[in-house]
Amino acid sequence: MKTIRIICIALTATLLVIGCQKKGNFTIDTEAPAALKNNNDSISWALGTITAQNIIATGIEVDREVLIQALLTTLDNKTQPLTQEQLMQLQQQIEKQLYVSEQAKYQSSLEEARASEKTYFAQLLQNNPNVKKSDKGFYYEVLKEGTGRKAEPGLIIDFDYKGTFTNGQIFDQTYGNRSSIVHLVDESLMPGLREGFCMMKAGSTYRFYFPCEMAFGAKGTDDIPPFTTVIYEVELHDVHE
């Protein structure tokens, strides 16, 4: 994946230069408004933006003149100061640096999330005596205990739910939006929900408090930021083969 990303950086940068290269010296005024007259101009701008974003993501402070000189030298098939072997070694160095940078950011964000969750869950337990901690690491509250069949891996469940952030904002729910969900208890369920369902019997309503690692993790979704604690209120209607 990272090799592809580095290749994309070089490719998009090359395409950008192909689209805007002129003979002789030229300067670019970054303060001037962009003149996107046609679709090709828009594509060129998009390639430039993607290139810059990818370079920024590496954490490397590039020398712009050297970067452009390398692109033009390669496009014009001029003599290269680096051998192919040296280029490969430098690519590996860039990939390693990118990996280390991404891991450091991930670890920092994870530690920050864990500290925030620790404070949140401590207050939750203090303020609500009905909340308990499961042996899987999430927290739950029994709003209604059912008497039906208990959910297990491999069984089919029929349920409604409401998902909220810790501030009470709803990010998703079945109520008023769509029919109840019929789903197999399997690995395709969110980790926390999969474990939570296996605590419930048909007819139960539970409220689950999931730390980010048992919910949407470091990636998040379009609607849920990375490293987010989420709350699910689940009403389990039926459990069957």
Protein backbone atom coordinates (compact mmCIF):
# COMPACT_ATOMS: atom_id res chain seq x y z
CA MET A 1 0.00 0.00 0.00
CA LYS A 2 2.75 2.47 0.92
CA THR A 3 4.75 1.58 -2.20
CA ILE A 4 1.70 2.38 -4.31
CA ARG A 5 1.31 5.66 -2.45
CA ILE A 6 4.90 6.69 -3.19
CA ILE A 7 4.46 5.75 -6.85
CA CYS A 8 1.26 7.84 -6.95
CA ILE A 9 3.20 10.83 -5.60
CA ALA A 10 5.74 10.57 -8.41
CA LEU A 11 3.13 9.86 -11.08
CA THR A 12 0.77 12.69 -10.18
CA ALA A 13 3.65 15.12 -9.85
CA THR A 14 4.93 14.10 -13.28
CA LEU A 15 1.48 14.50 -14.83
CA LEU A 16 1.20 17.93 -13.27
CA VAL A 17 4.44 19.08 -14.83
CA ILE A 18 3.48 17.61 -18.20
CA GLY A 19 0.29 19.66 -18.07
CA CYS A 20 1.91 22.98 -17.27
CA GLN A 21 5.51 22.82 -18.54
CA LYS A 22 6.69 25.66 -20.75
CA LYS A 23 10.02 26.19 -22.50
CA GLY A 24 12.54 28.24 -20.55
CA ASN A 25 12.19 29.62 -17.05
CA PHE A 26 8.78 30.17 -15.49
CA THR A 27 7.37 31.30 -12.18
CA ILE A 28 4.10 30.51 -10.46
CA ASP A 29 2.25 33.06 -8.35
CA THR A 30 0.50 31.06 -5.59
CA GLU A 31 -1.24 34.24 -4.38
CA ALA A 32 -3.08 34.71 -7.67
CA PRO A 33 -6.59 33.22 -8.07
CA ALA A 34 -6.62 29.91 -9.89
CA ALA A 35 -7.77 30.26 -13.50
CA LEU A 36 -9.55 26.98 -14.18
CA LYS A 37 -10.88 27.57 -17.68
CA ASN A 38 -11.72 24.02 -18.66
CA ASN A 39 -11.83 20.44 -17.45
CA ASN A 40 -8.14 19.90 -18.18
CA ASP A 41 -7.30 22.85 -15.93
CA SER A 42 -9.44 21.36 -13.17
CA ILE A 43 -7.76 17.96 -13.56
CA SER A 44 -4.35 19.65 -13.45
CA TRP A 45 -5.32 21.46 -10.25
CA ALA A 46 -6.63 18.26 -8.72
CA LEU A 47 -3.37 16.45 -9.54
CA GLY A 48 -1.39 19.27 -7.99
CA THR A 49 -3.50 19.22 -4.83
CA ILE A 50 -3.22 15.43 -4.49
CA THR A 51 0.53 15.61 -5.05
CA ALA A 52 0.99 18.24 -2.36
CA GLN A 53 -1.21 16.38 0.12
CA ASN A 54 0.73 13.16 -0.43
CA ILE A 55 4.07 14.88 0.01
CA ILE A 56 2.86 16.59 3.19
CA ALA A 57 1.71 13.19 4.49
CA THR A 58 5.28 11.88 4.29
CA GLY A 59 6.43 14.53 6.76
CA ILE A 60 9.37 15.35 4.50
CA GLU A 61 10.21 18.99 3.86
CA VAL A 62 11.11 18.95 0.19
CA ASP A 63 13.25 21.42 -1.70
CA ARG A 64 10.81 22.67 -4.33
CA GLU A 65 13.45 23.67 -6.87
CA VAL A 66 15.18 20.31 -6.65
CA LEU A 67 11.82 18.52 -6.91
CA ILE A 68 10.85 20.37 -10.08
CA GLN A 69 14.36 20.01 -11.54
CA ALA A 70 14.18 16.24 -10.99
CA LEU A 71 10.80 16.04 -12.74
CA LEU A 72 11.92 18.09 -15.74
CA THR A 73 15.25 16.24 -15.98
CA THR A 74 13.39 12.94 -16.08
CA LEU A 75 10.79 14.15 -18.59
CA ASP A 76 13.52 15.48 -20.89
CA ASN A 77 15.50 12.23 -20.53
CA LYS A 78 18.59 14.02 -19.27
CA THR A 79 21.45 12.55 -17.23
CA GLN A 80 20.36 11.55 -13.73
CA PRO A 81 22.52 12.26 -10.63
CA LEU A 82 21.16 9.10 -8.93
CA THR A 83 21.30 5.50 -10.11
CA GLN A 84 18.21 3.31 -10.19
CA GLU A 85 19.57 1.40 -7.21
CA GLN A 86 19.98 4.63 -5.24
CA LEU A 87 16.44 5.64 -6.16
CA MET A 88 15.12 2.34 -4.86
CA GLN A 89 17.05 2.75 -1.60
CA LEU A 90 15.69 6.27 -1.14
CA GLN A 91 12.16 5.07 -1.89
CA GLN A 92 12.52 2.48 0.88
CA GLN A 93 13.79 5.24 3.18
CA ILE A 94 10.76 7.39 2.40
CA GLU A 95 8.39 4.47 2.95
CA LYS A 96 10.02 3.70 6.30
CA GLN A 97 9.83 7.33 7.37
CA LEU A 98 6.18 7.47 6.34
CA TYR A 99 5.42 4.30 8.29
CA VAL A 100 7.17 5.58 11.43
CA SER A 101 5.32 8.91 11.15
CA GLU A 102 1.92 7.22 10.72
CA GLN A 103 2.57 4.85 13.63
CA ALA A 104 3.58 7.74 15.89
CA LYS A 105 0.41 9.65 14.99
CA TYR A 106 -1.70 6.54 15.55
CA GLN A 107 -0.15 5.82 18.95
CA SER A 108 -0.52 9.42 20.07
CA SER A 109 -4.19 9.53 19.02
CA LEU A 110 -4.87 6.15 20.65
CA GLU A 111 -3.31 7.17 23.96
CA GLU A 112 -5.27 10.42 23.93
CA ALA A 113 -8.50 8.50 23.23
CA ARG A 114 -7.79 6.01 26.01
CA ALA A 115 -7.16 8.79 28.52
CA SER A 116 -10.39 10.51 27.51
CA GLU A 117 -12.33 7.23 27.69
CA LYS A 118 -10.89 6.42 31.11
CA THR A 119 -12.22 9.72 32.46
CA TYR A 120 -15.59 9.29 30.72
CA PHE A 121 -16.19 5.73 31.95
CA ALA A 122 -15.10 6.58 35.50
CA GLN A 123 -17.69 9.37 35.61
CA LEU A 124 -20.27 7.09 34.00
CA LEU A 125 -19.85 4.44 36.71
CA GLN A 126 -19.95 7.09 39.40
CA ASN A 127 -23.11 8.74 38.10
CA ASN A 128 -25.05 5.63 37.04
CA PRO A 129 -24.96 2.62 39.41
CA ASN A 130 -26.82 0.51 36.84
CA VAL A 131 -23.87 0.54 34.45
CA LYS A 132 -21.55 -2.46 34.63
CA LYS A 133 -18.28 -3.35 32.93
CA SER A 134 -18.21 -6.52 30.84
CA ASP A 135 -15.26 -8.90 30.81
CA LYS A 136 -14.76 -7.88 27.16
CA GLY A 137 -13.89 -4.30 28.08
CA PHE A 138 -17.08 -2.41 27.22
CA TYR A 139 -19.80 -1.12 29.53
CA TYR A 140 -23.51 -1.89 29.52
CA GLU A 141 -26.81 -1.14 31.20
CA VAL A 142 -29.81 -3.47 31.24
CA LEU A 143 -32.90 -1.38 30.47
CA LYS A 144 -35.16 -4.42 30.08
CA GLU A 145 -34.33 -8.08 30.59
CA GLY A 146 -35.95 -10.45 28.14
CA THR A 147 -37.01 -14.05 28.66
CA GLY A 148 -36.55 -15.40 25.15
CA ARG A 149 -33.73 -17.29 23.50
CA LYS A 150 -30.22 -16.03 24.11
CA ALA A 151 -28.27 -14.78 21.12
CA GLU A 152 -25.20 -16.79 20.12
CA PRO A 153 -22.75 -16.83 17.20
CA GLY A 154 -24.36 -18.44 14.17
CA LEU A 155 -27.93 -17.53 15.17
CA ILE A 156 -30.10 -14.92 13.43
CA ILE A 157 -31.22 -11.86 15.35
CA ASP A 158 -33.94 -9.28 14.72
CA PHE A 159 -33.27 -5.92 16.39
CA ASP A 160 -33.68 -2.15 16.45
CA TYR A 161 -31.01 0.25 17.63
CA LYS A 162 -30.05 3.86 18.24
CA GLY A 163 -26.42 4.97 18.05
CA THR A 164 -25.26 8.16 19.78
CA PHE A 165 -22.08 9.98 20.68
CA THR A 166 -21.28 10.59 24.35
CA ASN A 167 -22.83 14.07 24.05
CA GLY A 168 -26.19 12.50 23.19
CA GLN A 169 -26.11 13.34 19.47
CA ILE A 170 -27.68 10.58 17.38
CA PHE A 171 -25.53 9.44 14.45
CA ASP A 172 -27.72 6.53 13.31
CA GLN A 173 -30.87 4.63 14.24
CA THR A 174 -33.51 2.33 12.83
CA TYR A 175 -36.39 3.98 14.66
CA GLY A 176 -38.35 6.13 12.24
CA ASN A 177 -35.83 5.46 9.47
CA ARG A 178 -36.20 1.83 8.40
CA SER A 179 -37.40 -1.59 9.43
CA SER A 180 -35.71 -3.57 12.17
CA ILE A 181 -32.51 -5.33 11.14
CA VAL A 182 -32.25 -9.08 10.63
CA HIS A 183 -28.64 -10.22 10.84
CA LEU A 184 -26.49 -13.23 11.58
CA VAL A 185 -24.39 -13.03 14.75
CA ASP A 186 -20.99 -13.27 13.09
CA GLU A 187 -17.69 -11.50 12.42
CA SER A 188 -19.28 -8.95 10.11
CA LEU A 189 -20.87 -7.19 13.09
CA MET A 190 -19.01 -4.41 14.88
CA PRO A 191 -16.85 -6.12 17.57
CA GLY A 192 -18.62 -4.50 20.51
CA LEU A 193 -22.10 -5.23 19.19
CA ARG A 194 -21.19 -8.82 18.38
CA GLU A 195 -20.10 -9.38 21.98
CA GLY A 196 -23.02 -7.36 23.34
CA PHE A 197 -25.66 -9.37 21.50
CA CYS A 198 -24.28 -12.57 23.02
CA MET A 199 -25.25 -11.20 26.45
CA MET A 200 -28.86 -10.61 25.47
CA LYS A 201 -32.03 -12.68 25.32
CA ALA A 202 -34.91 -11.99 22.95
CA GLY A 203 -37.15 -9.32 24.44
CA SER A 204 -34.22 -7.46 26.05
CA THR A 205 -33.20 -3.85 25.69
CA TYR A 206 -29.60 -2.99 26.59
CA ARG A 207 -27.55 0.18 26.38
CA PHE A 208 -23.91 -0.42 25.44
CA TYR A 209 -20.99 1.98 25.86
CA PHE A 210 -18.21 1.01 23.48
CA PRO A 211 -14.63 2.31 23.62
CA CYS A 212 -13.28 3.19 20.19
CA GLU A 213 -11.32 -0.04 19.84
CA MET A 214 -14.55 -2.05 20.04
CA ALA A 215 -16.39 0.30 17.73
CA PHE A 216 -15.05 2.12 14.66
CA GLY A 217 -11.41 2.32 15.73
CA ALA A 218 -8.74 4.47 14.16
CA LYS A 219 -10.48 4.76 10.78
CA GLY A 220 -13.93 5.90 11.84
CA THR A 221 -16.55 6.36 9.12
CA ASP A 222 -17.91 9.20 7.04
CA ASP A 223 -20.12 10.17 9.99
CA ILE A 224 -17.99 9.07 12.94
CA PRO A 225 -14.52 10.52 13.62
CA PRO A 226 -11.59 8.20 14.35
CA PHE A 227 -11.07 7.11 17.98
CA THR A 228 -14.66 7.86 19.00
CA THR A 229 -16.52 6.35 21.97
CA VAL A 230 -20.06 5.41 20.94
CA ILE A 231 -23.26 4.39 22.71
CA TYR A 232 -25.75 1.89 21.30
CA GLU A 233 -29.22 1.28 22.70
CA VAL A 234 -30.33 -2.07 21.31
CA GLU A 235 -33.77 -3.70 21.41
CA LEU A 236 -33.52 -7.41 20.59
CA HIS A 237 -36.85 -8.65 19.22
CA ASP A 238 -36.12 -12.22 18.22
CA VAL A 239 -33.41 -14.90 18.08
CA HIS A 240 -33.75 -17.93 15.82
CA GLU A 241 -31.92 -20.40 13.60
